[in-house]
Amino acid sequence: MNKNKFSCFWHALKIIWHERMFKVWLMICLIGIVIGLIVGIGMTQLVLLVAIACMGLALEVANTGIEKMMDVINPQYSEKVKIVKDLYGAVPAFVYSAYVISWLILVAPKIFEMMVN
């Protein structure tokens, strides 16, 4: 990674750190990973949780980028801009599916184990 890309990366982190939903998503991811470590999930499940967390954080960065870009293109309120921002529903859709997948990784094995024993 050359110096220019590295400085862009840090600049992007500074911008995204001020976004509330990024912090919320980061805390949820960290809590899920810690719970996974506490309950003793396997390495494959842990890698999957970390991958889900990284994808969610990346989507949040992309979502923020699109929202900022739309604000630059049209600073005044516009119903069309609102529609574009609302259509970037990949983040909420991913968050809900990640929530289900995470609980399947963290909780389902324990429930299955209790049912079998």
PDB file of N, CA and C in Angstrom:
ATOM      1  N   MET A   1       0.855  -1.157   0.000  1.00  0.00           N
ATOM      2  CA  MET A   1       0.000   0.000   0.000  1.00  0.00           C
ATOM      3  C   MET A   1       0.910   1.232   0.000  1.00  0.00           C
ATOM      4  N   ASN A   2       0.776   2.069  -1.035  1.00  0.00           N
ATOM      5  CA  ASN A   2       1.637   3.248  -1.061  1.00  0.00           C
ATOM      6  C   ASN A   2       1.129   4.304  -0.083  1.00  0.00           C
ATOM      7  N   LYS A   3       1.950   5.342   0.097  1.00  0.00           N
ATOM      8  CA  LYS A   3       1.648   6.354   1.110  1.00  0.00           C
ATOM      9  C   LYS A   3       0.316   7.049   0.850  1.00  0.00           C
ATOM     10  N   ASN A   4      -0.014   7.311  -0.402  1.00  0.00           N
ATOM     11  CA  ASN A   4      -1.257   7.992  -0.729  1.00  0.00           C
ATOM     12  C   ASN A   4      -2.476   7.159  -0.328  1.00  0.00           C
ATOM     13  N   LYS A   5      -2.452   5.869  -0.628  1.00  0.00           N
ATOM     14  CA  LYS A   5      -3.563   4.995  -0.250  1.00  0.00           C
ATOM     15  C   LYS A   5      -3.661   4.865   1.265  1.00  0.00           C
ATOM     16  N   PHE A   6      -2.522   4.809   1.921  1.00  0.00           N
ATOM     17  CA  PHE A   6      -2.510   4.701   3.371  1.00  0.00           C
ATOM     18  C   PHE A   6      -3.124   5.948   4.006  1.00  0.00           C
ATOM     19  N   SER A   7      -2.762   7.130   3.511  1.00  0.00           N
ATOM     20  CA  SER A   7      -3.332   8.359   4.077  1.00  0.00           C
ATOM     21  C   SER A   7      -4.820   8.465   3.768  1.00  0.00           C
ATOM     22  N   CYS A   8      -5.256   7.993   2.603  1.00  0.00           N
ATOM     23  CA  CYS A   8      -6.696   7.977   2.279  1.00  0.00           C
ATOM     24  C   CYS A   8      -7.450   7.057   3.235  1.00  0.00           C
ATOM     25  N   PHE A   9      -6.836   5.914   3.533  1.00  0.00           N
ATOM     26  CA  PHE A   9      -7.458   4.965   4.458  1.00  0.00           C
ATOM     27  C   PHE A   9      -7.666   5.607   5.826  1.00  0.00           C
ATOM     28  N   TRP A  10      -6.615   6.274   6.358  1.00  0.00           N
ATOM     29  CA  TRP A  10      -6.744   6.908   7.673  1.00  0.00           C
ATOM     30  C   TRP A  10      -7.728   8.059   7.653  1.00  0.00           C
ATOM     31  N   HIS A  11      -7.757   8.794   6.552  1.00  0.00           N
ATOM     32  CA  HIS A  11      -8.716   9.892   6.432  1.00  0.00           C
ATOM     33  C   HIS A  11     -10.148   9.345   6.443  1.00  0.00           C
ATOM     34  N   ALA A  12     -10.368   8.255   5.734  1.00  0.00           N
ATOM     35  CA  ALA A  12     -11.693   7.633   5.718  1.00  0.00           C
ATOM     36  C   ALA A  12     -12.090   7.153   7.113  1.00  0.00           C
ATOM     37  N   LEU A  13     -11.139   6.577   7.851  1.00  0.00           N
ATOM     38  CA  LEU A  13     -11.434   6.132   9.218  1.00  0.00           C
ATOM     39  C   LEU A  13     -11.811   7.315  10.119  1.00  0.00           C
ATOM     40  N   LYS A  14     -11.127   8.431   9.957  1.00  0.00           N
ATOM     41  CA  LYS A  14     -11.457   9.617  10.753  1.00  0.00           C
ATOM     42  C   LYS A  14     -12.872  10.092  10.451  1.00  0.00           C
ATOM     43  N   ILE A  15     -13.257  10.054   9.181  1.00  0.00           N
ATOM     44  CA  ILE A  15     -14.604  10.492   8.792  1.00  0.00           C
ATOM     45  C   ILE A  15     -15.652   9.533   9.337  1.00  0.00           C
ATOM     46  N   ILE A  16     -15.456   8.235   9.123  1.00  0.00           N
ATOM     47  CA  ILE A  16     -16.467   7.255   9.508  1.00  0.00           C
ATOM     48  C   ILE A  16     -16.598   7.145  11.026  1.00  0.00           C
ATOM     49  N   TRP A  17     -15.527   7.458  11.762  1.00  0.00           N
ATOM     50  CA  TRP A  17     -15.574   7.352  13.212  1.00  0.00           C
ATOM     51  C   TRP A  17     -16.608   8.298  13.816  1.00  0.00           C
ATOM     52  N   HIS A  18     -16.953   9.349  13.112  1.00  0.00           N
ATOM     53  CA  HIS A  18     -17.934  10.308  13.614  1.00  0.00           C
ATOM     54  C   HIS A  18     -19.370   9.894  13.296  1.00  0.00           C
ATOM     55  N   GLU A  19     -19.544   8.789  12.612  1.00  0.00           N
ATOM     56  CA  GLU A  19     -20.881   8.298  12.278  1.00  0.00           C
ATOM     57  C   GLU A  19     -21.386   7.384  13.391  1.00  0.00           C
ATOM     58  N   ARG A  20     -22.552   7.698  13.905  1.00  0.00           N
ATOM     59  CA  ARG A  20     -23.123   6.944  15.030  1.00  0.00           C
ATOM     60  C   ARG A  20     -23.338   5.473  14.682  1.00  0.00           C
ATOM     61  N   MET A  21     -23.887   5.201  13.510  1.00  0.00           N
ATOM     62  CA  MET A  21     -24.193   3.809  13.157  1.00  0.00           C
ATOM     63  C   MET A  21     -22.935   2.967  12.987  1.00  0.00           C
ATOM     64  N   PHE A  22     -21.837   3.574  12.572  1.00  0.00           N
ATOM     65  CA  PHE A  22     -20.583   2.831  12.486  1.00  0.00           C
ATOM     66  C   PHE A  22     -20.163   2.364  13.875  1.00  0.00           C
ATOM     67  N   LYS A  23     -20.273   3.257  14.854  1.00  0.00           N
ATOM     68  CA  LYS A  23     -19.897   2.903  16.224  1.00  0.00           C
ATOM     69  C   LYS A  23     -20.831   1.827  16.781  1.00  0.00           C
ATOM     70  N   VAL A  24     -22.115   1.948  16.474  1.00  0.00           N
ATOM     71  CA  VAL A  24     -23.084   0.944  16.934  1.00  0.00           C
ATOM     72  C   VAL A  24     -22.737  -0.415  16.323  1.00  0.00           C
ATOM     73  N   TRP A  25     -22.506  -0.436  15.023  1.00  0.00           N
ATOM     74  CA  TRP A  25     -22.174  -1.688  14.343  1.00  0.00           C
ATOM     75  C   TRP A  25     -20.869  -2.270  14.887  1.00  0.00           C
ATOM     76  N   LEU A  26     -19.882  -1.416  15.130  1.00  0.00           N
ATOM     77  CA  LEU A  26     -18.608  -1.876  15.670  1.00  0.00           C
ATOM     78  C   LEU A  26     -18.798  -2.519  17.040  1.00  0.00           C
ATOM     79  N   MET A  27     -19.587  -1.903  17.900  1.00  0.00           N
ATOM     80  CA  MET A  27     -19.825  -2.462  19.248  1.00  0.00           C
ATOM     81  C   MET A  27     -20.570  -3.797  19.167  1.00  0.00           C
ATOM     82  N   ILE A  28     -21.564  -3.878  18.312  1.00  0.00           N
ATOM     83  CA  ILE A  28     -22.304  -5.131  18.144  1.00  0.00           C
ATOM     84  C   ILE A  28     -21.363  -6.233  17.665  1.00  0.00           C
ATOM     85  N   CYS A  29     -20.497  -5.903  16.713  1.00  0.00           N
ATOM     86  CA  CYS A  29     -19.542  -6.896  16.196  1.00  0.00           C
ATOM     87  C   CYS A  29     -18.592  -7.360  17.291  1.00  0.00           C
ATOM     88  N   LEU A  30     -18.064  -6.419  18.040  1.00  0.00           N
ATOM     89  CA  LEU A  30     -17.135  -6.781  19.107  1.00  0.00           C
ATOM     90  C   LEU A  30     -17.810  -7.629  20.179  1.00  0.00           C
ATOM     91  N   ILE A  31     -19.037  -7.284  20.539  1.00  0.00           N
ATOM     92  CA  ILE A  31     -19.783  -8.073  21.525  1.00  0.00           C
ATOM     93  C   ILE A  31     -20.002  -9.493  21.011  1.00  0.00           C
ATOM     94  N   GLY A  32     -20.386  -9.619  19.745  1.00  0.00           N
ATOM     95  CA  GLY A  32     -20.602 -10.946  19.167  1.00  0.00           C
ATOM     96  C   GLY A  32     -19.344 -11.789  19.161  1.00  0.00           C
ATOM     97  N   ILE A  33     -18.221 -11.167  18.821  1.00  0.00           N
ATOM     98  CA  ILE A  33     -16.951 -11.901  18.795  1.00  0.00           C
ATOM     99  C   ILE A  33     -16.535 -12.310  20.203  1.00  0.00           C
ATOM    100  N   VAL A  34     -16.698 -11.418  21.170  1.00  0.00           N
ATOM    101  CA  VAL A  34     -16.354 -11.754  22.561  1.00  0.00           C
ATOM    102  C   VAL A  34     -17.244 -12.882  23.066  1.00  0.00           C
ATOM    103  N   ILE A  35     -18.537 -12.820  22.780  1.00  0.00           N
ATOM    104  CA  ILE A  35     -19.447 -13.906  23.185  1.00  0.00           C
ATOM    105  C   ILE A  35     -18.997 -15.213  22.550  1.00  0.00           C
ATOM    106  N   GLY A  36     -18.613 -15.153  21.283  1.00  0.00           N
ATOM    107  CA  GLY A  36     -18.122 -16.360  20.611  1.00  0.00           C
ATOM    108  C   GLY A  36     -16.902 -16.945  21.291  1.00  0.00           C
ATOM    109  N   LEU A  37     -15.991 -16.080  21.697  1.00  0.00           N
ATOM    110  CA  LEU A  37     -14.796 -16.557  22.399  1.00  0.00           C
ATOM    111  C   LEU A  37     -15.152 -17.137  23.766  1.00  0.00           C
ATOM    112  N   ILE A  38     -16.101 -16.508  24.459  1.00  0.00           N
ATOM    113  CA  ILE A  38     -16.503 -16.984  25.785  1.00  0.00           C
ATOM    114  C   ILE A  38     -17.168 -18.351  25.705  1.00  0.00           C
ATOM    115  N   VAL A  39     -18.079 -18.528  24.728  1.00  0.00           N
ATOM    116  CA  VAL A  39     -18.777 -19.810  24.641  1.00  0.00           C
ATOM    117  C   VAL A  39     -17.936 -20.883  23.961  1.00  0.00           C
ATOM    118  N   GLY A  40     -16.787 -20.495  23.432  1.00  0.00           N
ATOM    119  CA  GLY A  40     -15.866 -21.485  22.886  1.00  0.00           C
ATOM    120  C   GLY A  40     -16.217 -21.986  21.504  1.00  0.00           C
ATOM    121  N   ILE A  41     -16.614 -21.078  20.611  1.00  0.00           N
ATOM    122  CA  ILE A  41     -16.887 -21.521  19.240  1.00  0.00           C
ATOM    123  C   ILE A  41     -15.583 -21.910  18.569  1.00  0.00           C
ATOM    124  N   GLY A  42     -15.697 -22.682  17.514  1.00  0.00           N
ATOM    125  CA  GLY A  42     -14.519 -23.142  16.791  1.00  0.00           C
ATOM    126  C   GLY A  42     -13.904 -22.041  15.943  1.00  0.00           C
ATOM    127  N   MET A  43     -12.738 -22.329  15.406  1.00  0.00           N
ATOM    128  CA  MET A  43     -12.018 -21.351  14.596  1.00  0.00           C
ATOM    129  C   MET A  43     -12.801 -20.978  13.341  1.00  0.00           C
ATOM    130  N   THR A  44     -13.457 -21.943  12.718  1.00  0.00           N
ATOM    131  CA  THR A  44     -14.233 -21.649  11.511  1.00  0.00           C
ATOM    132  C   THR A  44     -15.366 -20.681  11.818  1.00  0.00           C
ATOM    133  N   GLN A  45     -16.074 -20.935  12.906  1.00  0.00           N
ATOM    134  CA  GLN A  45     -17.162 -20.045  13.292  1.00  0.00           C
ATOM    135  C   GLN A  45     -16.637 -18.658  13.662  1.00  0.00           C
ATOM    136  N   LEU A  46     -15.498 -18.596  14.325  1.00  0.00           N
ATOM    137  CA  LEU A  46     -14.900 -17.316  14.700  1.00  0.00           C
ATOM    138  C   LEU A  46     -14.499 -16.521  13.456  1.00  0.00           C
ATOM    139  N   VAL A  47     -13.903 -17.197  12.502  1.00  0.00           N
ATOM    140  CA  VAL A  47     -13.519 -16.535  11.251  1.00  0.00           C
ATOM    141  C   VAL A  47     -14.772 -16.027  10.536  1.00  0.00           C
ATOM    142  N   LEU A  48     -15.829 -16.815  10.542  1.00  0.00           N
ATOM    143  CA  LEU A  48     -17.084 -16.388   9.921  1.00  0.00           C
ATOM    144  C   LEU A  48     -17.658 -15.160  10.622  1.00  0.00           C
ATOM    145  N   LEU A  49     -17.627 -15.134  11.948  1.00  0.00           N
ATOM    146  CA  LEU A  49     -18.111 -13.955  12.679  1.00  0.00           C
ATOM    147  C   LEU A  49     -17.289 -12.717  12.347  1.00  0.00           C
ATOM    148  N   VAL A  50     -15.974 -12.866  12.291  1.00  0.00           N
ATOM    149  CA  VAL A  50     -15.108 -11.733  11.967  1.00  0.00           C
ATOM    150  C   VAL A  50     -15.362 -11.272  10.530  1.00  0.00           C
ATOM    151  N   ALA A  51     -15.549 -12.212   9.609  1.00  0.00           N
ATOM    152  CA  ALA A  51     -15.835 -11.850   8.217  1.00  0.00           C
ATOM    153  C   ALA A  51     -17.156 -11.093   8.107  1.00  0.00           C
ATOM    154  N   ILE A  52     -18.175 -11.563   8.825  1.00  0.00           N
ATOM    155  CA  ILE A  52     -19.466 -10.868   8.830  1.00  0.00           C
ATOM    156  C   ILE A  52     -19.297  -9.463   9.395  1.00  0.00           C
ATOM    157  N   ALA A  53     -18.531  -9.336  10.453  1.00  0.00           N
ATOM    158  CA  ALA A  53     -18.293  -8.027  11.066  1.00  0.00           C
ATOM    159  C   ALA A  53     -17.595  -7.094  10.081  1.00  0.00           C
ATOM    160  N   CYS A  54     -16.579  -7.584   9.420  1.00  0.00           N
ATOM    161  CA  CYS A  54     -15.838  -6.750   8.466  1.00  0.00           C
ATOM    162  C   CYS A  54     -16.714  -6.324   7.289  1.00  0.00           C
ATOM    163  N   MET A  55     -17.540  -7.241   6.799  1.00  0.00           N
ATOM    164  CA  MET A  55     -18.438  -6.881   5.690  1.00  0.00           C
ATOM    165  C   MET A  55     -19.448  -5.831   6.130  1.00  0.00           C
ATOM    166  N   GLY A  56     -19.968  -5.984   7.328  1.00  0.00           N
ATOM    167  CA  GLY A  56     -20.925  -4.999   7.831  1.00  0.00           C
ATOM    168  C   GLY A  56     -20.290  -3.630   7.988  1.00  0.00           C
ATOM    169  N   LEU A  57     -19.069  -3.586   8.512  1.00  0.00           N
ATOM    170  CA  LEU A  57     -18.365  -2.314   8.671  1.00  0.00           C
ATOM    171  C   LEU A  57     -18.057  -1.696   7.305  1.00  0.00           C
ATOM    172  N   ALA A  58     -17.663  -2.524   6.348  1.00  0.00           N
ATOM    173  CA  ALA A  58     -17.378  -2.023   5.000  1.00  0.00           C
ATOM    174  C   ALA A  58     -18.641  -1.471   4.346  1.00  0.00           C
ATOM    175  N   LEU A  59     -19.759  -2.151   4.527  1.00  0.00           N
ATOM    176  CA  LEU A  59     -21.021  -1.648   3.974  1.00  0.00           C
ATOM    177  C   LEU A  59     -21.415  -0.328   4.620  1.00  0.00           C
ATOM    178  N   GLU A  60     -21.153  -0.190   5.895  1.00  0.00           N
ATOM    179  CA  GLU A  60     -21.472   1.066   6.577  1.00  0.00           C
ATOM    180  C   GLU A  60     -20.616   2.201   6.028  1.00  0.00           C
ATOM    181  N   VAL A  61     -19.351   1.920   5.744  1.00  0.00           N
ATOM    182  CA  VAL A  61     -18.475   2.929   5.140  1.00  0.00           C
ATOM    183  C   VAL A  61     -18.998   3.306   3.748  1.00  0.00           C
ATOM    184  N   ALA A  62     -19.374   2.310   2.955  1.00  0.00           N
ATOM    185  CA  ALA A  62     -19.907   2.580   1.614  1.00  0.00           C
ATOM    186  C   ALA A  62     -21.202   3.388   1.701  1.00  0.00           C
ATOM    187  N   ASN A  63     -22.063   3.032   2.635  1.00  0.00           N
ATOM    188  CA  ASN A  63     -23.321   3.749   2.820  1.00  0.00           C
ATOM    189  C   ASN A  63     -23.063   5.211   3.177  1.00  0.00           C
ATOM    190  N   THR A  64     -22.128   5.450   4.081  1.00  0.00           N
ATOM    191  CA  THR A  64     -21.781   6.820   4.466  1.00  0.00           C
ATOM    192  C   THR A  64     -21.213   7.578   3.267  1.00  0.00           C
ATOM    193  N   GLY A  65     -20.389   6.907   2.476  1.00  0.00           N
ATOM    194  CA  GLY A  65     -19.837   7.540   1.279  1.00  0.00           C
ATOM    195  C   GLY A  65     -20.912   7.960   0.304  1.00  0.00           C
ATOM    196  N   ILE A  66     -21.875   7.100   0.084  1.00  0.00           N
ATOM    197  CA  ILE A  66     -22.973   7.432  -0.832  1.00  0.00           C
ATOM    198  C   ILE A  66     -23.793   8.587  -0.279  1.00  0.00           C
ATOM    199  N   GLU A  67     -24.089   8.558   1.015  1.00  0.00           N
ATOM    200  CA  GLU A  67     -24.856   9.656   1.604  1.00  0.00           C
ATOM    201  C   GLU A  67     -24.109  10.980   1.496  1.00  0.00           C
ATOM    202  N   LYS A  68     -22.805  10.981   1.782  1.00  0.00           N
ATOM    203  CA  LYS A  68     -22.004  12.212   1.683  1.00  0.00           C
ATOM    204  C   LYS A  68     -21.952  12.697   0.240  1.00  0.00           C
ATOM    205  N   MET A  69     -21.787  11.771  -0.703  1.00  0.00           N
ATOM    206  CA  MET A  69     -21.737  12.139  -2.115  1.00  0.00           C
ATOM    207  C   MET A  69     -23.051  12.773  -2.563  1.00  0.00           C
ATOM    208  N   MET A  70     -24.159  12.196  -2.138  1.00  0.00           N
ATOM    209  CA  MET A  70     -25.460  12.742  -2.512  1.00  0.00           C
ATOM    210  C   MET A  70     -25.661  14.131  -1.898  1.00  0.00           C
ATOM    211  N   ASP A  71     -25.136  14.349  -0.693  1.00  0.00           N
ATOM    212  CA  ASP A  71     -25.235  15.664  -0.067  1.00  0.00           C
ATOM    213  C   ASP A  71     -24.412  16.708  -0.826  1.00  0.00           C
ATOM    214  N   VAL A  72     -23.283  16.292  -1.409  1.00  0.00           N
ATOM    215  CA  VAL A  72     -22.464  17.212  -2.204  1.00  0.00           C
ATOM    216  C   VAL A  72     -23.162  17.532  -3.522  1.00  0.00           C
ATOM    217  N   ILE A  73     -23.729  16.498  -4.140  1.00  0.00           N
ATOM    218  CA  ILE A  73     -24.404  16.693  -5.422  1.00  0.00           C
ATOM    219  C   ILE A  73     -25.605  17.618  -5.267  1.00  0.00           C
ATOM    220  N   ASN A  74     -26.362  17.417  -4.206  1.00  0.00           N
ATOM    221  CA  ASN A  74     -27.561  18.224  -4.003  1.00  0.00           C
ATOM    222  C   ASN A  74     -27.674  18.574  -2.515  1.00  0.00           C
ATOM    223  N   PRO A  75     -27.121  19.743  -2.107  1.00  0.00           N
ATOM    224  CA  PRO A  75     -27.116  20.101  -0.680  1.00  0.00           C
ATOM    225  C   PRO A  75     -28.508  20.344  -0.078  1.00  0.00           C
ATOM    226  N   GLN A  76     -29.450  20.811  -0.888  1.00  0.00           N
ATOM    227  CA  GLN A  76     -30.795  21.029  -0.361  1.00  0.00           C
ATOM    228  C   GLN A  76     -31.551  19.704  -0.309  1.00  0.00           C
ATOM    229  N   TYR A  77     -32.581  19.697   0.545  1.00  0.00           N
ATOM    230  CA  TYR A  77     -33.401  18.489   0.632  1.00  0.00           C
ATOM    231  C   TYR A  77     -34.052  18.229  -0.714  1.00  0.00           C
ATOM    232  N   SER A  78     -34.007  16.990  -1.119  1.00  0.00           N
ATOM    233  CA  SER A  78     -34.635  16.579  -2.371  1.00  0.00           C
ATOM    234  C   SER A  78     -35.234  15.197  -2.167  1.00  0.00           C
ATOM    235  N   GLU A  79     -36.433  15.045  -2.642  1.00  0.00           N
ATOM    236  CA  GLU A  79     -37.092  13.736  -2.546  1.00  0.00           C
ATOM    237  C   GLU A  79     -36.314  12.687  -3.346  1.00  0.00           C
ATOM    238  N   LYS A  80     -35.717  13.099  -4.466  1.00  0.00           N
ATOM    239  CA  LYS A  80     -34.936  12.157  -5.280  1.00  0.00           C
ATOM    240  C   LYS A  80     -33.680  11.697  -4.531  1.00  0.00           C
ATOM    241  N   VAL A  81     -33.012  12.626  -3.861  1.00  0.00           N
ATOM    242  CA  VAL A  81     -31.834  12.262  -3.079  1.00  0.00           C
ATOM    243  C   VAL A  81     -32.240  11.347  -1.931  1.00  0.00           C
ATOM    244  N   LYS A  82     -33.364  11.638  -1.302  1.00  0.00           N
ATOM    245  CA  LYS A  82     -33.869  10.791  -0.217  1.00  0.00           C
ATOM    246  C   LYS A  82     -34.110   9.370  -0.724  1.00  0.00           C
ATOM    247  N   ILE A  83     -34.666   9.251  -1.918  1.00  0.00           N
ATOM    248  CA  ILE A  83     -34.934   7.933  -2.498  1.00  0.00           C
ATOM    249  C   ILE A  83     -33.623   7.186  -2.735  1.00  0.00           C
ATOM    250  N   VAL A  84     -32.619   7.882  -3.284  1.00  0.00           N
ATOM    251  CA  VAL A  84     -31.320   7.237  -3.524  1.00  0.00           C
ATOM    252  C   VAL A  84     -30.718   6.747  -2.213  1.00  0.00           C
ATOM    253  N   LYS A  85     -30.767   7.603  -1.188  1.00  0.00           N
ATOM    254  CA  LYS A  85     -30.218   7.210   0.114  1.00  0.00           C
ATOM    255  C   LYS A  85     -31.002   6.035   0.703  1.00  0.00           C
ATOM    256  N   ASP A  86     -32.316   6.071   0.583  1.00  0.00           N
ATOM    257  CA  ASP A  86     -33.143   4.985   1.116  1.00  0.00           C
ATOM    258  C   ASP A  86     -32.939   3.675   0.363  1.00  0.00           C
ATOM    259  N   LEU A  87     -32.665   3.782  -0.927  1.00  0.00           N
ATOM    260  CA  LEU A  87     -32.486   2.568  -1.730  1.00  0.00           C
ATOM    261  C   LEU A  87     -31.193   1.839  -1.399  1.00  0.00           C
ATOM    262  N   TYR A  88     -30.277   2.514  -0.752  1.00  0.00           N
ATOM    263  CA  TYR A  88     -29.072   1.821  -0.340  1.00  0.00           C
ATOM    264  C   TYR A  88     -29.398   1.014   0.911  1.00  0.00           C
ATOM    265  N   GLY A  89     -30.360   0.125   0.758  1.00  0.00           N
ATOM    266  CA  GLY A  89     -30.836  -0.683   1.866  1.00  0.00           C
ATOM    267  C   GLY A  89     -30.001  -1.922   2.109  1.00  0.00           C
ATOM    268  N   ALA A  90     -28.849  -2.004   1.473  1.00  0.00           N
ATOM    269  CA  ALA A  90     -27.994  -3.174   1.672  1.00  0.00           C
ATOM    270  C   ALA A  90     -27.498  -3.253   3.103  1.00  0.00           C
ATOM    271  N   VAL A  91     -27.278  -2.112   3.715  1.00  0.00           N
ATOM    272  CA  VAL A  91     -26.753  -2.136   5.081  1.00  0.00           C
ATOM    273  C   VAL A  91     -27.768  -2.739   6.047  1.00  0.00           C
ATOM    274  N   PRO A  92     -29.013  -2.214   6.110  1.00  0.00           N
ATOM    275  CA  PRO A  92     -29.971  -2.840   7.035  1.00  0.00           C
ATOM    276  C   PRO A  92     -30.255  -4.308   6.698  1.00  0.00           C
ATOM    277  N   ALA A  93     -30.354  -4.624   5.424  1.00  0.00           N
ATOM    278  CA  ALA A  93     -30.604  -6.012   5.033  1.00  0.00           C
ATOM    279  C   ALA A  93     -29.454  -6.900   5.485  1.00  0.00           C
ATOM    280  N   PHE A  94     -28.236  -6.428   5.312  1.00  0.00           N
ATOM    281  CA  PHE A  94     -27.076  -7.200   5.746  1.00  0.00           C
ATOM    282  C   PHE A  94     -27.038  -7.337   7.262  1.00  0.00           C
ATOM    283  N   VAL A  95     -27.344  -6.245   7.956  1.00  0.00           N
ATOM    284  CA  VAL A  95     -27.313  -6.275   9.417  1.00  0.00           C
ATOM    285  C   VAL A  95     -28.290  -7.315   9.952  1.00  0.00           C
ATOM    286  N   TYR A  96     -29.497  -7.344   9.415  1.00  0.00           N
ATOM    287  CA  TYR A  96     -30.486  -8.314   9.900  1.00  0.00           C
ATOM    288  C   TYR A  96     -30.067  -9.741   9.578  1.00  0.00           C
ATOM    289  N   SER A  97     -29.544  -9.968   8.372  1.00  0.00           N
ATOM    290  CA  SER A  97     -29.104 -11.326   8.037  1.00  0.00           C
ATOM    291  C   SER A  97     -27.869 -11.712   8.852  1.00  0.00           C
ATOM    292  N   ALA A  98     -26.975 -10.761   9.094  1.00  0.00           N
ATOM    293  CA  ALA A  98     -25.798 -11.037   9.912  1.00  0.00           C
ATOM    294  C   ALA A  98     -26.199 -11.371  11.340  1.00  0.00           C
ATOM    295  N   TYR A  99     -27.219 -10.697  11.835  1.00  0.00           N
ATOM    296  CA  TYR A  99     -27.729 -10.972  13.178  1.00  0.00           C
ATOM    297  C   TYR A  99     -28.212 -12.423  13.276  1.00  0.00           C
ATOM    298  N   VAL A 100     -28.975 -12.857  12.288  1.00  0.00           N
ATOM    299  CA  VAL A 100     -29.492 -14.229  12.281  1.00  0.00           C
ATOM    300  C   VAL A 100     -28.344 -15.225  12.166  1.00  0.00           C
ATOM    301  N   ILE A 101     -27.416 -14.978  11.253  1.00  0.00           N
ATOM    302  CA  ILE A 101     -26.286 -15.891  11.075  1.00  0.00           C
ATOM    303  C   ILE A 101     -25.445 -15.969  12.353  1.00  0.00           C
ATOM    304  N   SER A 102     -25.213 -14.814  12.976  1.00  0.00           N
ATOM    305  CA  SER A 102     -24.411 -14.795  14.202  1.00  0.00           C
ATOM    306  C   SER A 102     -25.068 -15.593  15.310  1.00  0.00           C
ATOM    307  N   TRP A 103     -26.372 -15.439  15.454  1.00  0.00           N
ATOM    308  CA  TRP A 103     -27.069 -16.206  16.499  1.00  0.00           C
ATOM    309  C   TRP A 103     -27.078 -17.698  16.178  1.00  0.00           C
ATOM    310  N   LEU A 104     -27.138 -18.026  14.897  1.00  0.00           N
ATOM    311  CA  LEU A 104     -27.040 -19.441  14.528  1.00  0.00           C
ATOM    312  C   LEU A 104     -25.673 -20.002  14.893  1.00  0.00           C
ATOM    313  N   ILE A 105     -24.644 -19.199  14.727  1.00  0.00           N
ATOM    314  CA  ILE A 105     -23.292 -19.640  15.080  1.00  0.00           C
ATOM    315  C   ILE A 105     -23.134 -19.736  16.592  1.00  0.00           C
ATOM    316  N   LEU A 106     -23.641 -18.735  17.309  1.00  0.00           N
ATOM    317  CA  LEU A 106     -23.396 -18.650  18.750  1.00  0.00           C
ATOM    318  C   LEU A 106     -24.364 -19.476  19.589  1.00  0.00           C
ATOM    319  N   VAL A 107     -25.632 -19.502  19.202  1.00  0.00           N
ATOM    320  CA  VAL A 107     -26.666 -20.089  20.066  1.00  0.00           C
ATOM    321  C   VAL A 107     -27.133 -21.460  19.598  1.00  0.00           C
ATOM    322  N   ALA A 108     -27.320 -21.635  18.309  1.00  0.00           N
ATOM    323  CA  ALA A 108     -27.891 -22.879  17.801  1.00  0.00           C
ATOM    324  C   ALA A 108     -27.113 -24.123  18.225  1.00  0.00           C
ATOM    325  N   PRO A 109     -25.774 -24.123  18.183  1.00  0.00           N
ATOM    326  CA  PRO A 109     -25.059 -25.333  18.621  1.00  0.00           C
ATOM    327  C   PRO A 109     -25.335 -25.685  20.084  1.00  0.00           C
ATOM    328  N   LYS A 110     -25.447 -24.672  20.933  1.00  0.00           N
ATOM    329  CA  LYS A 110     -25.713 -24.927  22.362  1.00  0.00           C
ATOM    330  C   LYS A 110     -27.133 -25.472  22.552  1.00  0.00           C
ATOM    331  N   ILE A 111     -28.081 -24.910  21.826  1.00  0.00           N
ATOM    332  CA  ILE A 111     -29.471 -25.402  21.903  1.00  0.00           C
ATOM    333  C   ILE A 111     -29.545 -26.837  21.421  1.00  0.00           C
ATOM    334  N   PHE A 112     -28.874 -27.115  20.289  1.00  0.00           N
ATOM    335  CA  PHE A 112     -28.873 -28.481  19.746  1.00  0.00           C
ATOM    336  C   PHE A 112     -28.231 -29.438  20.743  1.00  0.00           C
ATOM    337  N   GLU A 113     -27.139 -28.997  21.364  1.00  0.00           N
ATOM    338  CA  GLU A 113     -26.455 -29.835  22.342  1.00  0.00           C
ATOM    339  C   GLU A 113     -27.363 -30.142  23.532  1.00  0.00           C
ATOM    340  N   MET A 114     -28.118 -29.157  23.995  1.00  0.00           N
ATOM    341  CA  MET A 114     -29.038 -29.372  25.113  1.00  0.00           C
ATOM    342  C   MET A 114     -30.176 -30.305  24.729  1.00  0.00           C
ATOM    343  N   MET A 115     -30.631 -30.222  23.481  1.00  0.00           N
ATOM    344  CA  MET A 115     -31.736 -31.066  23.034  1.00  0.00           C
ATOM    345  C   MET A 115     -31.294 -32.519  22.897  1.00  0.00           C
ATOM    346  N   VAL A 116     -30.065 -32.744  22.478  1.00  0.00           N
ATOM    347  CA  VAL A 116     -29.554 -34.097  22.275  1.00  0.00           C
ATOM    348  C   VAL A 116     -29.242 -34.769  23.601  1.00  0.00           C
ATOM    349  N   ASN A 117     -28.727 -34.019  24.553  1.00  0.00           N
ATOM    350  CA  ASN A 117     -28.346 -34.619  25.848  1.00  0.00           C
ATOM    351  C   ASN A 117     -29.485 -34.738  26.760  1.00  0.00           C
TER     352      ASN A 117
END
